[in-house]
N, C-alpha and C. Protein backbone atom coordinates (compact mmCIF):
# COMPACT_ATOMS: atom_id res chain seq x y z
N UNK A 1 -21.96 -4.71 -96.60
CA UNK A 1 -20.40 -5.00 -96.82
C UNK A 1 -20.04 -5.74 -98.41
N UNK A 2 -19.40 -5.51 -99.23
CA UNK A 2 -19.00 -6.79 -100.07
C UNK A 2 -17.75 -7.59 -100.06
N UNK A 3 -17.58 -8.31 -101.12
CA UNK A 3 -16.69 -9.31 -100.64
C UNK A 3 -15.09 -8.26 -100.86
N UNK A 4 -14.99 -7.57 -101.92
CA UNK A 4 -13.90 -6.48 -101.87
C UNK A 4 -13.52 -5.75 -100.55
N UNK A 5 -14.60 -5.40 -100.01
CA UNK A 5 -14.47 -4.11 -98.68
C UNK A 5 -14.25 -5.41 -97.51
N UNK A 6 -14.60 -6.45 -97.35
CA UNK A 6 -14.32 -7.74 -96.56
C UNK A 6 -13.09 -7.78 -96.78
N UNK A 7 -12.31 -8.18 -97.60
CA UNK A 7 -10.78 -8.69 -97.81
C UNK A 7 -10.14 -7.60 -97.56
N UNK A 8 -10.06 -6.43 -97.91
CA UNK A 8 -9.53 -5.14 -97.71
C UNK A 8 -9.39 -4.87 -96.19
N UNK A 9 -10.80 -5.02 -95.41
CA UNK A 9 -10.58 -4.95 -94.00
C UNK A 9 -10.20 -6.07 -93.43
N UNK A 10 -10.23 -7.23 -93.60
CA UNK A 10 -9.43 -8.31 -93.14
C UNK A 10 -7.64 -8.01 -93.41
N UNK A 11 -7.48 -7.49 -94.37
CA UNK A 11 -5.93 -7.36 -94.46
C UNK A 11 -5.52 -6.27 -93.85
N UNK A 12 -6.36 -5.50 -93.81
CA UNK A 12 -5.97 -4.02 -92.83
C UNK A 12 -5.70 -4.80 -91.33
N UNK A 13 -6.85 -5.38 -90.59
CA UNK A 13 -6.68 -6.10 -89.71
C UNK A 13 -5.73 -6.67 -89.20
N UNK A 14 -5.45 -7.92 -90.18
CA UNK A 14 -3.97 -8.66 -89.85
C UNK A 14 -2.85 -8.04 -90.04
N UNK A 15 -2.76 -7.02 -90.76
CA UNK A 15 -1.25 -5.78 -90.19
C UNK A 15 -1.21 -5.56 -89.34
N UNK A 16 -2.31 -5.23 -88.47
CA UNK A 16 -2.27 -4.41 -87.13
C UNK A 16 -1.90 -5.01 -86.35
N UNK A 17 -2.64 -6.57 -86.28
CA UNK A 17 -2.80 -7.49 -85.22
C UNK A 17 -1.37 -7.73 -84.79
N UNK A 18 -1.30 -8.34 -83.44
CA UNK A 18 -0.10 -8.94 -82.92
C UNK A 18 -0.68 -10.44 -82.79
N UNK A 19 0.35 -11.03 -82.16
CA UNK A 19 -0.37 -12.76 -82.45
C UNK A 19 -1.19 -13.00 -81.68
N UNK A 20 -1.60 -12.62 -80.61
CA UNK A 20 -3.10 -13.09 -80.15
C UNK A 20 -4.14 -12.60 -80.62
N UNK A 21 -4.23 -11.42 -81.61
CA UNK A 21 -5.09 -10.62 -82.13
C UNK A 21 -5.07 -12.03 -83.56
N UNK A 22 -4.18 -12.31 -83.81
CA UNK A 22 -4.72 -13.06 -85.18
C UNK A 22 -4.99 -14.39 -84.86
N UNK A 23 -4.33 -15.14 -83.52
CA UNK A 23 -5.19 -16.09 -83.04
C UNK A 23 -6.87 -16.13 -82.60
N UNK A 24 -7.52 -14.85 -82.14
CA UNK A 24 -8.60 -14.61 -82.16
C UNK A 24 -9.43 -14.49 -83.41
N UNK A 25 -8.76 -14.07 -84.80
CA UNK A 25 -9.12 -13.81 -86.04
C UNK A 25 -9.34 -15.09 -86.51
N UNK A 26 -8.19 -16.07 -85.93
CA UNK A 26 -8.53 -17.20 -86.37
C UNK A 26 -9.49 -18.31 -86.14
N UNK A 27 -9.87 -18.04 -84.84
CA UNK A 27 -10.94 -18.57 -84.15
C UNK A 27 -12.32 -18.29 -84.71
N UNK A 28 -12.61 -16.93 -84.84
CA UNK A 28 -13.87 -15.98 -85.36
C UNK A 28 -13.74 -16.94 -86.88
N UNK A 29 -12.77 -16.49 -87.77
CA UNK A 29 -13.00 -17.24 -89.20
C UNK A 29 -13.36 -18.47 -89.21
N UNK A 30 -12.75 -19.55 -88.28
CA UNK A 30 -13.04 -20.59 -88.12
C UNK A 30 -14.61 -21.04 -87.73
N UNK A 31 -15.09 -20.68 -86.75
CA UNK A 31 -16.30 -20.56 -86.25
C UNK A 31 -17.30 -20.21 -87.34
N UNK A 32 -16.81 -19.20 -88.03
CA UNK A 32 -17.97 -18.81 -89.10
C UNK A 32 -17.81 -20.12 -90.23
N UNK A 33 -16.82 -20.52 -90.51
CA UNK A 33 -16.81 -21.80 -91.40
C UNK A 33 -17.69 -22.80 -90.97
N UNK A 34 -17.39 -22.98 -89.85
CA UNK A 34 -18.34 -24.25 -88.93
C UNK A 34 -19.86 -24.06 -88.93
N UNK A 35 -20.25 -22.68 -88.65
CA UNK A 35 -21.58 -22.66 -89.13
C UNK A 35 -21.92 -22.55 -90.56
N UNK A 36 -21.04 -21.80 -91.28
CA UNK A 36 -21.65 -22.23 -92.73
C UNK A 36 -21.52 -23.63 -93.31
N UNK A 37 -20.94 -24.78 -92.29
CA UNK A 37 -20.53 -26.40 -93.22
C UNK A 37 -21.74 -26.90 -92.50
N UNK A 38 -22.21 -26.22 -90.88
CA UNK A 38 -23.25 -27.31 -90.25
C UNK A 38 -23.96 -26.12 -89.92
N UNK A 39 -25.20 -25.66 -90.31
CA UNK A 39 -26.37 -24.84 -90.29
C UNK A 39 -27.04 -24.72 -88.86
N UNK A 40 -27.39 -26.13 -88.59
CA UNK A 40 -27.77 -26.17 -87.28
C UNK A 40 -27.15 -25.45 -86.32
N UNK A 41 -25.53 -25.66 -86.46
CA UNK A 41 -25.41 -24.88 -85.19
C UNK A 41 -25.33 -23.51 -84.87
N UNK A 42 -25.44 -22.99 -83.62
CA UNK A 42 -25.65 -21.27 -83.56
C UNK A 42 -24.16 -20.67 -84.00
N UNK A 43 -24.46 -19.33 -84.44
CA UNK A 43 -22.83 -18.70 -84.15
C UNK A 43 -22.40 -18.60 -83.08
N UNK A 44 -22.97 -18.45 -81.67
CA UNK A 44 -22.09 -18.17 -80.84
C UNK A 44 -21.59 -19.59 -80.61
N UNK A 45 -21.87 -20.71 -80.62
CA UNK A 45 -21.32 -22.18 -80.46
C UNK A 45 -20.04 -22.24 -80.96
N UNK A 46 -20.53 -21.94 -82.30
CA UNK A 46 -19.28 -21.97 -83.40
C UNK A 46 -18.23 -21.13 -83.00
N UNK A 47 -18.38 -19.83 -82.72
CA UNK A 47 -17.22 -18.83 -82.58
C UNK A 47 -16.56 -18.97 -80.96
N UNK A 48 -17.66 -19.72 -80.25
CA UNK A 48 -16.76 -20.32 -79.07
C UNK A 48 -16.08 -21.74 -78.83
N UNK A 49 -15.97 -21.88 -80.82
CA UNK A 49 -15.42 -23.50 -80.52
C UNK A 49 -16.12 -24.69 -79.71
N UNK A 50 -17.32 -24.60 -79.08
CA UNK A 50 -17.73 -25.58 -78.85
C UNK A 50 -17.70 -26.91 -78.95
N UNK A 51 -18.12 -27.93 -78.16
CA UNK A 51 -18.32 -29.25 -78.42
C UNK A 51 -19.28 -29.33 -77.19
N UNK A 52 -20.13 -30.21 -77.83
CA UNK A 52 -20.88 -30.84 -76.99
C UNK A 52 -21.34 -32.60 -76.78
N UNK A 53 -21.78 -32.91 -76.12
CA UNK A 53 -22.48 -34.21 -76.07
C UNK A 53 -23.57 -34.20 -75.39
N UNK A 54 -24.81 -34.59 -75.76
CA UNK A 54 -26.19 -35.03 -74.89
C UNK A 54 -26.63 -36.04 -75.26
N UNK A 55 -27.05 -36.36 -73.95
CA UNK A 55 -27.71 -37.45 -73.62
C UNK A 55 -29.46 -37.03 -73.04
N UNK A 56 -30.50 -38.26 -72.86
CA UNK A 56 -31.80 -37.92 -72.32
C UNK A 56 -31.72 -36.84 -71.34
N UNK A 57 -30.68 -37.37 -70.38
CA UNK A 57 -30.42 -36.76 -69.18
C UNK A 57 -29.46 -35.47 -68.72
N UNK A 58 -28.55 -35.18 -69.62
CA UNK A 58 -27.44 -34.19 -69.28
C UNK A 58 -27.07 -33.93 -70.64
N UNK A 59 -26.54 -32.36 -70.87
CA UNK A 59 -25.61 -32.10 -71.81
C UNK A 59 -24.50 -31.72 -71.20
N UNK A 60 -23.48 -31.53 -71.86
CA UNK A 60 -22.28 -30.94 -71.71
C UNK A 60 -21.78 -30.48 -72.74
N UNK A 61 -21.26 -29.37 -72.62
CA UNK A 61 -20.39 -28.61 -73.31
C UNK A 61 -19.16 -28.01 -72.89
N UNK A 62 -18.20 -28.38 -73.93
CA UNK A 62 -16.35 -28.08 -73.60
C UNK A 62 -16.47 -26.85 -74.64
N UNK A 63 -15.84 -25.73 -73.89
CA UNK A 63 -14.94 -24.69 -74.89
C UNK A 63 -13.86 -24.50 -74.40
N UNK A 64 -12.81 -24.12 -75.56
CA UNK A 64 -11.46 -23.78 -75.33
C UNK A 64 -11.38 -22.34 -74.72
N UNK A 65 -10.41 -21.89 -73.81
CA UNK A 65 -10.19 -20.90 -72.97
C UNK A 65 -9.18 -20.05 -74.12
N UNK A 66 -9.10 -18.73 -74.60
CA UNK A 66 -8.52 -18.13 -75.48
C UNK A 66 -8.84 -16.84 -75.34
N UNK A 67 -8.27 -16.05 -76.25
CA UNK A 67 -8.39 -14.39 -75.71
C UNK A 67 -9.86 -14.14 -75.67
N UNK A 68 -10.37 -14.71 -76.91
CA UNK A 68 -11.52 -14.36 -77.55
C UNK A 68 -12.55 -14.40 -76.42
N UNK A 69 -12.37 -15.06 -75.09
CA UNK A 69 -13.54 -15.03 -74.21
C UNK A 69 -12.94 -14.38 -72.93
N UNK A 70 -11.75 -13.96 -72.96
CA UNK A 70 -11.13 -13.32 -71.67
C UNK A 70 -11.65 -11.87 -71.44
N UNK A 71 -11.87 -11.50 -70.17
CA UNK A 71 -11.99 -9.85 -70.04
C UNK A 71 -10.83 -9.34 -69.78
N UNK A 72 -10.78 -7.95 -69.50
CA UNK A 72 -9.77 -7.49 -69.08
C UNK A 72 -8.60 -7.82 -68.10
N UNK A 73 -9.27 -8.79 -67.38
CA UNK A 73 -8.22 -9.15 -66.14
C UNK A 73 -7.77 -10.47 -66.43
N UNK A 74 -7.75 -11.07 -67.60
CA UNK A 74 -7.34 -12.17 -68.58
C UNK A 74 -7.71 -13.40 -67.90
N UNK A 75 -8.98 -13.31 -67.62
CA UNK A 75 -9.62 -14.38 -67.02
C UNK A 75 -11.06 -14.58 -68.05
N UNK A 76 -11.82 -15.87 -68.14
CA UNK A 76 -13.13 -15.61 -68.77
C UNK A 76 -13.95 -14.99 -68.19
N UNK A 77 -14.51 -14.28 -69.40
CA UNK A 77 -15.21 -13.11 -68.92
C UNK A 77 -16.68 -13.72 -68.46
N UNK A 78 -17.20 -13.08 -67.24
CA UNK A 78 -18.75 -14.09 -66.63
C UNK A 78 -19.62 -14.12 -67.47
N UNK A 79 -20.10 -13.32 -68.52
CA UNK A 79 -21.01 -13.36 -69.55
C UNK A 79 -20.81 -14.92 -70.37
N UNK A 80 -19.49 -14.70 -70.63
CA UNK A 80 -19.28 -16.17 -71.16
C UNK A 80 -19.87 -17.55 -70.39
N UNK A 81 -19.25 -17.47 -68.98
CA UNK A 81 -19.78 -18.70 -68.21
C UNK A 81 -21.09 -18.76 -68.30
N UNK A 82 -22.00 -17.82 -68.27
CA UNK A 82 -22.99 -17.57 -68.03
C UNK A 82 -23.94 -18.33 -69.46
N UNK A 83 -23.47 -17.65 -70.49
CA UNK A 83 -23.75 -18.18 -71.82
C UNK A 83 -23.31 -19.79 -71.75
N UNK A 84 -22.35 -20.11 -71.76
CA UNK A 84 -21.97 -21.49 -71.57
C UNK A 84 -23.08 -22.39 -70.62
N UNK A 85 -23.28 -21.93 -69.35
CA UNK A 85 -24.38 -22.42 -68.65
C UNK A 85 -25.76 -22.62 -69.42
N UNK A 86 -25.94 -21.31 -69.85
CA UNK A 86 -27.49 -21.38 -70.50
C UNK A 86 -27.50 -21.75 -71.42
N UNK A 87 -26.80 -22.15 -72.49
CA UNK A 87 -26.51 -23.12 -73.73
C UNK A 87 -26.79 -24.55 -73.14
N UNK A 88 -25.95 -24.96 -72.37
CA UNK A 88 -25.82 -26.68 -71.91
C UNK A 88 -27.67 -26.57 -71.27
N UNK A 89 -27.89 -25.75 -70.55
CA UNK A 89 -29.63 -26.12 -70.18
C UNK A 89 -30.40 -25.89 -71.28
N UNK A 90 -30.21 -24.94 -72.27
CA UNK A 90 -31.12 -24.85 -73.04
C UNK A 90 -30.96 -26.12 -73.76
N UNK A 91 -30.08 -26.50 -74.71
CA UNK A 91 -29.93 -27.29 -75.48
C UNK A 91 -30.68 -28.46 -74.88
N UNK A 92 -30.36 -28.80 -73.25
CA UNK A 92 -30.70 -30.29 -72.90
C UNK A 92 -32.39 -29.99 -72.99
N UNK A 93 -33.43 -28.71 -72.29
CA UNK A 93 -34.47 -28.64 -72.71
C UNK A 93 -35.19 -29.03 -73.45
N UNK A 94 -34.22 -28.20 -74.72
CA UNK A 94 -35.06 -28.28 -76.17
C UNK A 94 -34.84 -30.03 -76.47
N UNK A 95 -33.85 -30.83 -76.24
CA UNK A 95 -33.57 -31.94 -76.38
C UNK A 95 -34.95 -32.91 -76.07
N UNK A 96 -35.83 -32.75 -75.17
CA UNK A 96 -36.51 -33.73 -74.75
C UNK A 96 -38.11 -33.39 -74.96
N UNK A 97 -38.23 -31.96 -75.68
CA UNK A 97 -39.30 -31.52 -76.52
C UNK A 97 -39.93 -32.22 -77.75
N UNK A 98 -41.12 -32.49 -77.59
CA UNK A 98 -41.83 -33.02 -78.80
C UNK A 98 -41.66 -31.91 -80.27
N UNK A 99 -41.74 -32.17 -81.38
CA UNK A 99 -41.25 -31.91 -82.30
C UNK A 99 -42.66 -30.09 -82.22
N UNK A 100 -42.28 -29.15 -82.77
CA UNK A 100 -43.23 -27.91 -82.87
C UNK A 100 -43.45 -27.28 -81.61
N UNK A 101 -42.37 -27.60 -80.13
CA UNK A 101 -42.11 -27.16 -79.24
C UNK A 101 -40.52 -26.54 -78.90
N UNK A 102 -40.53 -25.48 -77.89
CA UNK A 102 -39.15 -25.29 -78.20
C UNK A 102 -39.12 -24.81 -76.18
N UNK A 103 -38.03 -24.27 -75.55
CA UNK A 103 -37.84 -23.96 -74.73
C UNK A 103 -37.09 -22.80 -74.70
N UNK A 104 -37.63 -21.67 -73.92
CA UNK A 104 -36.89 -20.40 -73.96
C UNK A 104 -36.49 -20.23 -72.30
N UNK A 105 -35.21 -19.08 -71.98
CA UNK A 105 -34.97 -19.33 -70.98
C UNK A 105 -35.85 -17.88 -70.08
N UNK A 106 -36.08 -17.84 -69.10
CA UNK A 106 -36.98 -17.08 -68.16
C UNK A 106 -36.38 -16.36 -67.16
N UNK A 107 -35.36 -17.30 -66.79
CA UNK A 107 -34.56 -17.15 -65.35
C UNK A 107 -33.36 -17.88 -65.67
N UNK A 108 -32.32 -17.05 -65.44
CA UNK A 108 -30.80 -17.35 -65.04
C UNK A 108 -30.18 -17.12 -64.03
N UNK A 109 -29.42 -17.69 -63.17
CA UNK A 109 -28.66 -17.34 -61.91
C UNK A 109 -27.55 -18.14 -62.24
N UNK A 110 -26.81 -17.31 -61.85
CA UNK A 110 -25.04 -17.96 -62.18
C UNK A 110 -24.47 -17.41 -60.67
N UNK A 111 -23.88 -18.46 -60.29
CA UNK A 111 -22.85 -18.00 -58.83
C UNK A 111 -21.42 -18.48 -59.43
N UNK A 112 -20.89 -17.33 -59.21
CA UNK A 112 -19.57 -17.55 -60.00
C UNK A 112 -18.45 -17.89 -58.58
N UNK A 113 -17.39 -18.76 -58.62
CA UNK A 113 -17.01 -19.56 -57.55
C UNK A 113 -15.77 -19.37 -57.72
N UNK A 114 -15.07 -19.60 -58.77
CA UNK A 114 -13.48 -19.59 -59.02
C UNK A 114 -13.41 -18.89 -60.27
N UNK A 115 -12.51 -18.45 -60.95
CA UNK A 115 -11.86 -17.44 -61.92
C UNK A 115 -11.61 -18.69 -62.96
N UNK A 116 -12.33 -18.57 -64.36
CA UNK A 116 -12.11 -18.96 -65.24
C UNK A 116 -10.91 -18.76 -65.79
N UNK A 117 -9.96 -19.88 -65.65
CA UNK A 117 -8.19 -19.68 -66.32
C UNK A 117 -8.17 -21.35 -66.91
N UNK A 118 -7.20 -21.50 -67.20
CA UNK A 118 -6.55 -22.96 -67.58
C UNK A 118 -6.84 -22.83 -69.24
N UNK A 119 -7.06 -24.10 -69.71
CA UNK A 119 -6.87 -24.36 -71.25
C UNK A 119 -8.69 -24.63 -71.28
N UNK A 120 -9.51 -24.73 -70.76
CA UNK A 120 -11.08 -25.05 -71.13
C UNK A 120 -12.17 -25.01 -69.85
N UNK A 121 -13.10 -24.68 -70.36
CA UNK A 121 -14.02 -24.95 -69.12
C UNK A 121 -15.10 -26.11 -69.81
N UNK A 122 -15.61 -26.77 -69.08
CA UNK A 122 -16.98 -27.56 -69.44
C UNK A 122 -17.85 -27.51 -68.35
N UNK A 123 -19.00 -27.83 -69.36
CA UNK A 123 -20.39 -27.22 -68.10
C UNK A 123 -21.18 -27.93 -68.41
N UNK A 124 -22.02 -29.11 -67.37
CA UNK A 124 -22.87 -29.91 -67.35
C UNK A 124 -24.18 -29.49 -66.90
N UNK A 125 -25.17 -29.92 -67.67
CA UNK A 125 -26.57 -29.40 -67.19
C UNK A 125 -27.23 -30.78 -67.03
N UNK A 126 -28.38 -30.71 -65.84
CA UNK A 126 -29.26 -31.57 -65.73
C UNK A 126 -30.63 -30.96 -65.15
N UNK A 127 -31.48 -31.63 -65.33
CA UNK A 127 -33.00 -31.74 -65.16
C UNK A 127 -33.07 -31.42 -63.40
N UNK A 128 -33.89 -30.54 -62.78
CA UNK A 128 -34.53 -30.51 -61.80
C UNK A 128 -35.66 -30.52 -61.59
N UNK A 129 -36.65 -30.18 -62.79
CA UNK A 129 -37.87 -30.20 -63.03
C UNK A 129 -38.02 -30.29 -64.67
N UNK A 130 -38.93 -31.17 -65.00
CA UNK A 130 -39.28 -31.55 -66.60
C UNK A 130 -41.14 -31.31 -66.60
N UNK A 131 -41.66 -30.31 -66.66
CA UNK A 131 -42.86 -30.04 -67.20
C UNK A 131 -43.40 -30.01 -68.14
N UNK A 132 -44.56 -30.04 -68.68
CA UNK A 132 -44.82 -29.46 -69.78
C UNK A 132 -44.85 -28.13 -70.48
N UNK A 133 -44.87 -27.28 -68.95
CA UNK A 133 -45.27 -26.11 -69.55
C UNK A 133 -43.66 -25.19 -68.63
N UNK A 134 -43.09 -25.89 -68.02
CA UNK A 134 -42.07 -25.36 -67.39
C UNK A 134 -41.09 -26.22 -67.17
N UNK A 135 -39.53 -25.87 -67.41
CA UNK A 135 -38.58 -26.73 -66.69
C UNK A 135 -37.53 -25.84 -65.99
N UNK A 136 -37.11 -26.88 -64.89
CA UNK A 136 -35.84 -26.18 -64.15
C UNK A 136 -34.77 -26.79 -64.21
N UNK A 137 -33.36 -26.39 -64.73
CA UNK A 137 -32.38 -27.19 -64.56
C UNK A 137 -31.13 -26.59 -63.97
N UNK A 138 -30.23 -27.15 -63.83
CA UNK A 138 -28.97 -26.74 -63.01
C UNK A 138 -27.78 -27.12 -64.07
N UNK A 139 -26.63 -26.43 -63.46
CA UNK A 139 -25.45 -26.48 -64.39
C UNK A 139 -24.38 -26.04 -63.41
N UNK A 140 -23.27 -27.20 -63.58
CA UNK A 140 -22.07 -26.86 -63.14
C UNK A 140 -20.82 -26.89 -64.30
N UNK A 141 -20.04 -25.65 -64.39
CA UNK A 141 -19.10 -25.03 -64.89
C UNK A 141 -17.89 -25.41 -64.19
N UNK A 142 -17.15 -26.46 -65.07
CA UNK A 142 -15.61 -26.79 -64.40
C UNK A 142 -14.49 -26.42 -65.35
N UNK A 143 -13.51 -26.12 -64.49
CA UNK A 143 -12.07 -26.00 -65.11
C UNK A 143 -11.33 -27.00 -65.33
N UNK A 144 -10.63 -27.60 -66.46
CA UNK A 144 -10.08 -28.49 -66.52
C UNK A 144 -8.88 -29.20 -65.75
N UNK A 145 -8.86 -28.16 -64.47
CA UNK A 145 -7.90 -28.71 -63.18
C UNK A 145 -8.86 -29.08 -62.22
N UNK A 146 -10.31 -29.16 -62.73
CA UNK A 146 -11.26 -30.10 -61.80
C UNK A 146 -11.81 -29.29 -60.98
N UNK A 147 -11.68 -27.74 -60.54
CA UNK A 147 -12.14 -26.52 -59.99
C UNK A 147 -13.59 -25.99 -60.41
N UNK A 148 -14.45 -26.21 -59.60
CA UNK A 148 -15.86 -25.72 -60.29
C UNK A 148 -15.43 -24.14 -60.11
N UNK A 149 -16.16 -23.58 -61.33
CA UNK A 149 -15.78 -22.44 -61.43
C UNK A 149 -16.92 -21.65 -61.70
N UNK A 150 -18.39 -22.34 -61.82
CA UNK A 150 -19.68 -21.78 -61.39
C UNK A 150 -21.11 -22.96 -61.34
N UNK A 151 -21.99 -22.31 -60.52
CA UNK A 151 -23.08 -23.18 -60.73
C UNK A 151 -24.23 -22.07 -61.02
N UNK A 152 -24.90 -22.98 -61.75
CA UNK A 152 -26.04 -22.00 -62.47
C UNK A 152 -27.48 -22.66 -62.61
N UNK A 153 -28.59 -22.09 -62.38
CA UNK A 153 -29.88 -22.53 -62.38
C UNK A 153 -30.34 -21.66 -63.38
N UNK A 154 -31.50 -22.72 -63.94
CA UNK A 154 -31.97 -22.16 -65.40
C UNK A 154 -33.99 -22.18 -65.20
N UNK A 155 -34.99 -21.42 -65.24
CA UNK A 155 -35.86 -21.99 -65.62
C UNK A 155 -36.41 -21.47 -67.07
N UNK A 156 -37.13 -22.85 -67.72
CA UNK A 156 -37.49 -22.42 -69.13
C UNK A 156 -38.66 -22.37 -69.21
N UNK A 157 -39.65 -21.70 -70.26
CA UNK A 157 -40.90 -21.66 -70.51
C UNK A 157 -41.11 -22.82 -72.22
N UNK A 158 -41.78 -23.54 -71.50
CA UNK A 158 -42.28 -24.24 -73.32
C UNK A 158 -42.95 -23.74 -73.98
N UNK A 159 -42.61 -23.04 -74.99
CA UNK A 159 -43.57 -22.14 -76.08
C UNK A 159 -43.55 -23.12 -77.50
N UNK A 160 -44.51 -22.81 -78.34
CA UNK A 160 -44.41 -23.15 -79.93
C UNK A 160 -43.25 -22.73 -80.23
N UNK A 161 -42.90 -23.81 -81.12
CA UNK A 161 -41.32 -23.30 -82.06
C UNK A 161 -41.75 -22.60 -83.24
N UNK A 162 -40.85 -21.43 -83.75
CA UNK A 162 -41.37 -20.48 -84.46
C UNK A 162 -40.59 -20.85 -86.09
N UNK A 163 -40.22 -22.12 -86.36
CA UNK A 163 -39.10 -22.51 -87.19
C UNK A 163 -40.60 -22.79 -88.35
């Protein structure tokens, strides 16, 4: 797609869009802008407007709840909640590794406990096992009202990085 085609498509979509659609378009465009500004961020993190805080023992990611992450029941899609948990655990696992190594998900278990609704979701990941070849982490996802929306565990292999 060239620049003229992209502009024409955006204009066409914007004309057809209702208020909610325009808010989603805005969030997507701001996400792409953030990715272009800070290339070390992932596209998914930028599109979800994720904010993260990482320490040696935990990683917390918070995302706003918007129509972009809703399913057809008007609650956060379960795949978004699983992505949030996997991302927090993966970021933490990678944070502790030596240069030249990366952690990749080998197993993800997500238990949904309450609907994802409200203004935001926050996920905190912690280590259960930190080995040289494998890691196991847990993550809790909370709504802003304090209710736990999900609990997840993830297993990760430590592999040579491809960078």
